Amino acid sequence: MIERIRRYLTSVRAEVQRVSWPSRREVVTFTILIFMMVVVLGLYLGLVDLVLQRILSLLLG
């Protein structure tokens, strides 16, 4: 049982070493990009919600 766990952890370690990790600059760039996209999408959905709310309030009186 212990040998199976040791083999598993060894293979996990070998796999992690093969991973292509992003650079710090890439991480920061993508984080900023994602943050900007979330803000833009939030503003868009808020605007759509406001427009639909106004339309429904006009239709329903």
PDB file of N, CA and C in Angstrom:
ATOM      1  N   MET A   1       0.830  -1.193   0.000  1.00  0.00           N
ATOM      2  CA  MET A   1       0.000   0.000   0.000  1.00  0.00           C
ATOM      3  C   MET A   1       0.876   1.259   0.000  1.00  0.00           C
ATOM      4  N   ILE A   2       1.887   1.264   0.848  1.00  0.00           N
ATOM      5  CA  ILE A   2       2.784   2.424   0.936  1.00  0.00           C
ATOM      6  C   ILE A   2       3.546   2.589  -0.381  1.00  0.00           C
ATOM      7  N   GLU A   3       3.914   1.479  -0.973  1.00  0.00           N
ATOM      8  CA  GLU A   3       4.655   1.545  -2.249  1.00  0.00           C
ATOM      9  C   GLU A   3       3.776   2.134  -3.358  1.00  0.00           C
ATOM     10  N   ARG A   4       2.510   1.803  -3.372  1.00  0.00           N
ATOM     11  CA  ARG A   4       1.587   2.367  -4.372  1.00  0.00           C
ATOM     12  C   ARG A   4       1.458   3.878  -4.189  1.00  0.00           C
ATOM     13  N   ILE A   5       1.381   4.329  -2.950  1.00  0.00           N
ATOM     14  CA  ILE A   5       1.287   5.760  -2.673  1.00  0.00           C
ATOM     15  C   ILE A   5       2.574   6.447  -3.107  1.00  0.00           C
ATOM     16  N   ARG A   6       3.710   5.850  -2.816  1.00  0.00           N
ATOM     17  CA  ARG A   6       4.999   6.423  -3.204  1.00  0.00           C
ATOM     18  C   ARG A   6       5.106   6.527  -4.730  1.00  0.00           C
ATOM     19  N   ARG A   7       4.692   5.468  -5.444  1.00  0.00           N
ATOM     20  CA  ARG A   7       4.730   5.501  -6.913  1.00  0.00           C
ATOM     21  C   ARG A   7       3.817   6.587  -7.458  1.00  0.00           C
ATOM     22  N   TYR A   8       2.628   6.707  -6.859  1.00  0.00           N
ATOM     23  CA  TYR A   8       1.676   7.742  -7.281  1.00  0.00           C
ATOM     24  C   TYR A   8       2.277   9.130  -7.088  1.00  0.00           C
ATOM     25  N   LEU A   9       2.829   9.402  -5.928  1.00  0.00           N
ATOM     26  CA  LEU A   9       3.406  10.718  -5.663  1.00  0.00           C
ATOM     27  C   LEU A   9       4.604  11.002  -6.565  1.00  0.00           C
ATOM     28  N   THR A  10       5.367   9.979  -6.881  1.00  0.00           N
ATOM     29  CA  THR A  10       6.490  10.151  -7.806  1.00  0.00           C
ATOM     30  C   THR A  10       5.997  10.520  -9.194  1.00  0.00           C
ATOM     31  N   SER A  11       4.940   9.853  -9.644  1.00  0.00           N
ATOM     32  CA  SER A  11       4.403  10.174 -10.971  1.00  0.00           C
ATOM     33  C   SER A  11       3.757  11.557 -10.991  1.00  0.00           C
ATOM     34  N   VAL A  12       3.132  11.947  -9.894  1.00  0.00           N
ATOM     35  CA  VAL A  12       2.558  13.293  -9.815  1.00  0.00           C
ATOM     36  C   VAL A  12       3.668  14.330  -9.905  1.00  0.00           C
ATOM     37  N   ARG A  13       4.739  14.101  -9.187  1.00  0.00           N
ATOM     38  CA  ARG A  13       5.868  15.044  -9.209  1.00  0.00           C
ATOM     39  C   ARG A  13       6.465  15.147 -10.610  1.00  0.00           C
ATOM     40  N   ALA A  14       6.612  14.037 -11.287  1.00  0.00           N
ATOM     41  CA  ALA A  14       7.157  14.039 -12.648  1.00  0.00           C
ATOM     42  C   ALA A  14       6.222  14.792 -13.594  1.00  0.00           C
ATOM     43  N   GLU A  15       4.934  14.604 -13.430  1.00  0.00           N
ATOM     44  CA  GLU A  15       3.958  15.289 -14.286  1.00  0.00           C
ATOM     45  C   GLU A  15       3.975  16.793 -14.045  1.00  0.00           C
ATOM     46  N   VAL A  16       4.081  17.210 -12.799  1.00  0.00           N
ATOM     47  CA  VAL A  16       4.121  18.645 -12.473  1.00  0.00           C
ATOM     48  C   VAL A  16       5.362  19.293 -13.071  1.00  0.00           C
ATOM     49  N   GLN A  17       6.460  18.573 -13.124  1.00  0.00           N
ATOM     50  CA  GLN A  17       7.686  19.123 -13.701  1.00  0.00           C
ATOM     51  C   GLN A  17       7.562  19.313 -15.209  1.00  0.00           C
ATOM     52  N   ARG A  18       6.686  18.562 -15.859  1.00  0.00           N
ATOM     53  CA  ARG A  18       6.495  18.693 -17.307  1.00  0.00           C
ATOM     54  C   ARG A  18       5.538  19.816 -17.682  1.00  0.00           C
ATOM     55  N   VAL A  19       4.816  20.348 -16.704  1.00  0.00           N
ATOM     56  CA  VAL A  19       3.842  21.397 -16.981  1.00  0.00           C
ATOM     57  C   VAL A  19       4.559  22.667 -17.413  1.00  0.00           C
ATOM     58  N   SER A  20       3.995  23.340 -18.406  1.00  0.00           N
ATOM     59  CA  SER A  20       4.545  24.614 -18.864  1.00  0.00           C
ATOM     60  C   SER A  20       3.879  25.733 -18.069  1.00  0.00           C
ATOM     61  N   TRP A  21       4.565  26.247 -17.055  1.00  0.00           N
ATOM     62  CA  TRP A  21       3.998  27.258 -16.182  1.00  0.00           C
ATOM     63  C   TRP A  21       4.112  28.631 -16.822  1.00  0.00           C
ATOM     64  N   PRO A  22       3.077  29.485 -16.668  1.00  0.00           N
ATOM     65  CA  PRO A  22       3.152  30.837 -17.240  1.00  0.00           C
ATOM     66  C   PRO A  22       4.122  31.710 -16.450  1.00  0.00           C
ATOM     67  N   SER A  23       4.643  32.715 -17.132  1.00  0.00           N
ATOM     68  CA  SER A  23       5.537  33.645 -16.447  1.00  0.00           C
ATOM     69  C   SER A  23       4.709  34.592 -15.579  1.00  0.00           C
ATOM     70  N   ARG A  24       5.392  35.292 -14.700  1.00  0.00           N
ATOM     71  CA  ARG A  24       4.703  36.249 -13.828  1.00  0.00           C
ATOM     72  C   ARG A  24       4.007  37.333 -14.656  1.00  0.00           C
ATOM     73  N   ARG A  25       4.687  37.794 -15.710  1.00  0.00           N
ATOM     74  CA  ARG A  25       4.107  38.823 -16.572  1.00  0.00           C
ATOM     75  C   ARG A  25       2.828  38.329 -17.247  1.00  0.00           C
ATOM     76  N   GLU A  26       2.818  37.089 -17.720  1.00  0.00           N
ATOM     77  CA  GLU A  26       1.623  36.522 -18.345  1.00  0.00           C
ATOM     78  C   GLU A  26       0.472  36.437 -17.343  1.00  0.00           C
ATOM     79  N   VAL A  27       0.770  36.014 -16.122  1.00  0.00           N
ATOM     80  CA  VAL A  27      -0.265  35.899 -15.095  1.00  0.00           C
ATOM     81  C   VAL A  27      -0.883  37.261 -14.805  1.00  0.00           C
ATOM     82  N   VAL A  28      -0.036  38.284 -14.640  1.00  0.00           N
ATOM     83  CA  VAL A  28      -0.533  39.632 -14.349  1.00  0.00           C
ATOM     84  C   VAL A  28      -1.354  40.158 -15.526  1.00  0.00           C
ATOM     85  N   THR A  29      -0.851  39.963 -16.746  1.00  0.00           N
ATOM     86  CA  THR A  29      -1.563  40.435 -17.934  1.00  0.00           C
ATOM     87  C   THR A  29      -2.934  39.789 -18.054  1.00  0.00           C
ATOM     88  N   PHE A  30      -2.994  38.482 -17.912  1.00  0.00           N
ATOM     89  CA  PHE A  30      -4.273  37.791 -18.041  1.00  0.00           C
ATOM     90  C   PHE A  30      -5.218  38.126 -16.895  1.00  0.00           C
ATOM     91  N   THR A  31      -4.683  38.363 -15.710  1.00  0.00           N
ATOM     92  CA  THR A  31      -5.524  38.753 -14.576  1.00  0.00           C
ATOM     93  C   THR A  31      -6.172  40.104 -14.837  1.00  0.00           C
ATOM     94  N   ILE A  32      -5.393  41.054 -15.339  1.00  0.00           N
ATOM     95  CA  ILE A  32      -5.945  42.372 -15.662  1.00  0.00           C
ATOM     96  C   ILE A  32      -6.975  42.261 -16.782  1.00  0.00           C
ATOM     97  N   LEU A  33      -6.674  41.466 -17.796  1.00  0.00           N
ATOM     98  CA  LEU A  33      -7.598  41.275 -18.912  1.00  0.00           C
ATOM     99  C   LEU A  33      -8.918  40.679 -18.435  1.00  0.00           C
ATOM    100  N   ILE A  34      -8.846  39.664 -17.590  1.00  0.00           N
ATOM    101  CA  ILE A  34     -10.064  39.036 -17.080  1.00  0.00           C
ATOM    102  C   ILE A  34     -10.857  40.017 -16.228  1.00  0.00           C
ATOM    103  N   PHE A  35     -10.175  40.791 -15.395  1.00  0.00           N
ATOM    104  CA  PHE A  35     -10.851  41.789 -14.575  1.00  0.00           C
ATOM    105  C   PHE A  35     -11.583  42.805 -15.455  1.00  0.00           C
ATOM    106  N   MET A  36     -10.919  43.278 -16.511  1.00  0.00           N
ATOM    107  CA  MET A  36     -11.555  44.235 -17.414  1.00  0.00           C
ATOM    108  C   MET A  36     -12.767  43.630 -18.117  1.00  0.00           C
ATOM    109  N   MET A  37     -12.659  42.373 -18.530  1.00  0.00           N
ATOM    110  CA  MET A  37     -13.784  41.710 -19.191  1.00  0.00           C
ATOM    111  C   MET A  37     -14.958  41.537 -18.232  1.00  0.00           C
ATOM    112  N   VAL A  38     -14.679  41.231 -16.975  1.00  0.00           N
ATOM    113  CA  VAL A  38     -15.750  41.096 -15.984  1.00  0.00           C
ATOM    114  C   VAL A  38     -16.461  42.433 -15.788  1.00  0.00           C
ATOM    115  N   VAL A  39     -15.690  43.525 -15.718  1.00  0.00           N
ATOM    116  CA  VAL A  39     -16.293  44.852 -15.548  1.00  0.00           C
ATOM    117  C   VAL A  39     -17.150  45.204 -16.762  1.00  0.00           C
ATOM    118  N   VAL A  40     -16.614  44.993 -17.970  1.00  0.00           N
ATOM    119  CA  VAL A  40     -17.364  45.307 -19.192  1.00  0.00           C
ATOM    120  C   VAL A  40     -18.639  44.470 -19.270  1.00  0.00           C
ATOM    121  N   LEU A  41     -18.532  43.186 -19.003  1.00  0.00           N
ATOM    122  CA  LEU A  41     -19.703  42.313 -19.048  1.00  0.00           C
ATOM    123  C   LEU A  41     -20.717  42.707 -17.988  1.00  0.00           C
ATOM    124  N   GLY A  42     -20.247  43.071 -16.808  1.00  0.00           N
ATOM    125  CA  GLY A  42     -21.153  43.511 -15.749  1.00  0.00           C
ATOM    126  C   GLY A  42     -21.896  44.778 -16.142  1.00  0.00           C
ATOM    127  N   LEU A  43     -21.183  45.744 -16.740  1.00  0.00           N
ATOM    128  CA  LEU A  43     -21.840  46.969 -17.196  1.00  0.00           C
ATOM    129  C   LEU A  43     -22.851  46.679 -18.296  1.00  0.00           C
ATOM    130  N   TYR A  44     -22.493  45.800 -19.226  1.00  0.00           N
ATOM    131  CA  TYR A  44     -23.413  45.439 -20.309  1.00  0.00           C
ATOM    132  C   TYR A  44     -24.679  44.785 -19.756  1.00  0.00           C
ATOM    133  N   LEU A  45     -24.505  43.812 -18.877  1.00  0.00           N
ATOM    134  CA  LEU A  45     -25.679  43.130 -18.316  1.00  0.00           C
ATOM    135  C   LEU A  45     -26.518  44.079 -17.463  1.00  0.00           C
ATOM    136  N   GLY A  46     -25.873  44.989 -16.755  1.00  0.00           N
ATOM    137  CA  GLY A  46     -26.616  45.984 -15.986  1.00  0.00           C
ATOM    138  C   GLY A  46     -27.426  46.888 -16.884  1.00  0.00           C
ATOM    139  N   LEU A  47     -26.857  47.300 -18.013  1.00  0.00           N
ATOM    140  CA  LEU A  47     -27.576  48.144 -18.967  1.00  0.00           C
ATOM    141  C   LEU A  47     -28.756  47.401 -19.582  1.00  0.00           C
ATOM    142  N   VAL A  48     -28.541  46.150 -19.977  1.00  0.00           N
ATOM    143  CA  VAL A  48     -29.630  45.340 -20.535  1.00  0.00           C
ATOM    144  C   VAL A  48     -30.736  45.173 -19.497  1.00  0.00           C
ATOM    145  N   ASP A  49     -30.378  44.931 -18.256  1.00  0.00           N
ATOM    146  CA  ASP A  49     -31.358  44.778 -17.188  1.00  0.00           C
ATOM    147  C   ASP A  49     -32.153  46.067 -17.010  1.00  0.00           C
ATOM    148  N   LEU A  50     -31.483  47.204 -17.032  1.00  0.00           N
ATOM    149  CA  LEU A  50     -32.155  48.487 -16.874  1.00  0.00           C
ATOM    150  C   LEU A  50     -33.127  48.749 -18.024  1.00  0.00           C
ATOM    151  N   VAL A  51     -32.694  48.472 -19.251  1.00  0.00           N
ATOM    152  CA  VAL A  51     -33.559  48.676 -20.414  1.00  0.00           C
ATOM    153  C   VAL A  51     -34.780  47.766 -20.333  1.00  0.00           C
ATOM    154  N   LEU A  52     -34.571  46.499 -20.024  1.00  0.00           N
ATOM    155  CA  LEU A  52     -35.706  45.570 -19.925  1.00  0.00           C
ATOM    156  C   LEU A  52     -36.644  45.955 -18.778  1.00  0.00           C
ATOM    157  N   GLN A  53     -36.096  46.441 -17.697  1.00  0.00           N
ATOM    158  CA  GLN A  53     -36.914  46.876 -16.574  1.00  0.00           C
ATOM    159  C   GLN A  53     -37.793  48.057 -16.985  1.00  0.00           C
ATOM    160  N   ARG A  54     -37.220  49.014 -17.699  1.00  0.00           N
ATOM    161  CA  ARG A  54     -37.993  50.166 -18.169  1.00  0.00           C
ATOM    162  C   ARG A  54     -39.079  49.743 -19.148  1.00  0.00           C
ATOM    163  N   ILE A  55     -38.755  48.836 -20.059  1.00  0.00           N
ATOM    164  CA  ILE A  55     -39.740  48.367 -21.030  1.00  0.00           C
ATOM    165  C   ILE A  55     -40.888  47.666 -20.315  1.00  0.00           C
ATOM    166  N   LEU A  56     -40.575  46.794 -19.367  1.00  0.00           N
ATOM    167  CA  LEU A  56     -41.625  46.076 -18.641  1.00  0.00           C
ATOM    168  C   LEU A  56     -42.463  47.032 -17.798  1.00  0.00           C
ATOM    169  N   SER A  57     -41.858  48.018 -17.198  1.00  0.00           N
ATOM    170  CA  SER A  57     -42.645  48.970 -16.382  1.00  0.00           C
ATOM    171  C   SER A  57     -43.558  49.802 -17.270  1.00  0.00           C
ATOM    172  N   LEU A  58     -43.138  50.102 -18.500  1.00  0.00           N
ATOM    173  CA  LEU A  58     -44.014  50.815 -19.427  1.00  0.00           C
ATOM    174  C   LEU A  58     -45.168  49.931 -19.896  1.00  0.00           C
ATOM    175  N   LEU A  59     -44.890  48.680 -20.149  1.00  0.00           N
ATOM    176  CA  LEU A  59     -45.924  47.757 -20.641  1.00  0.00           C
ATOM    177  C   LEU A  59     -46.930  47.410 -19.538  1.00  0.00           C
ATOM    178  N   LEU A  60     -46.446  47.259 -18.320  1.00  0.00           N
ATOM    179  CA  LEU A  60     -47.330  46.818 -17.249  1.00  0.00           C
ATOM    180  C   LEU A  60     -47.926  47.994 -16.472  1.00  0.00           C
ATOM    181  N   GLY A  61     -47.479  49.170 -16.781  1.00  0.00           N
ATOM    182  CA  GLY A  61     -48.084  50.370 -16.186  1.00  0.00           C
ATOM    183  C   GLY A  61     -47.465  50.681 -14.889  1.00  0.00           C
TER     184      GLY A  61
END
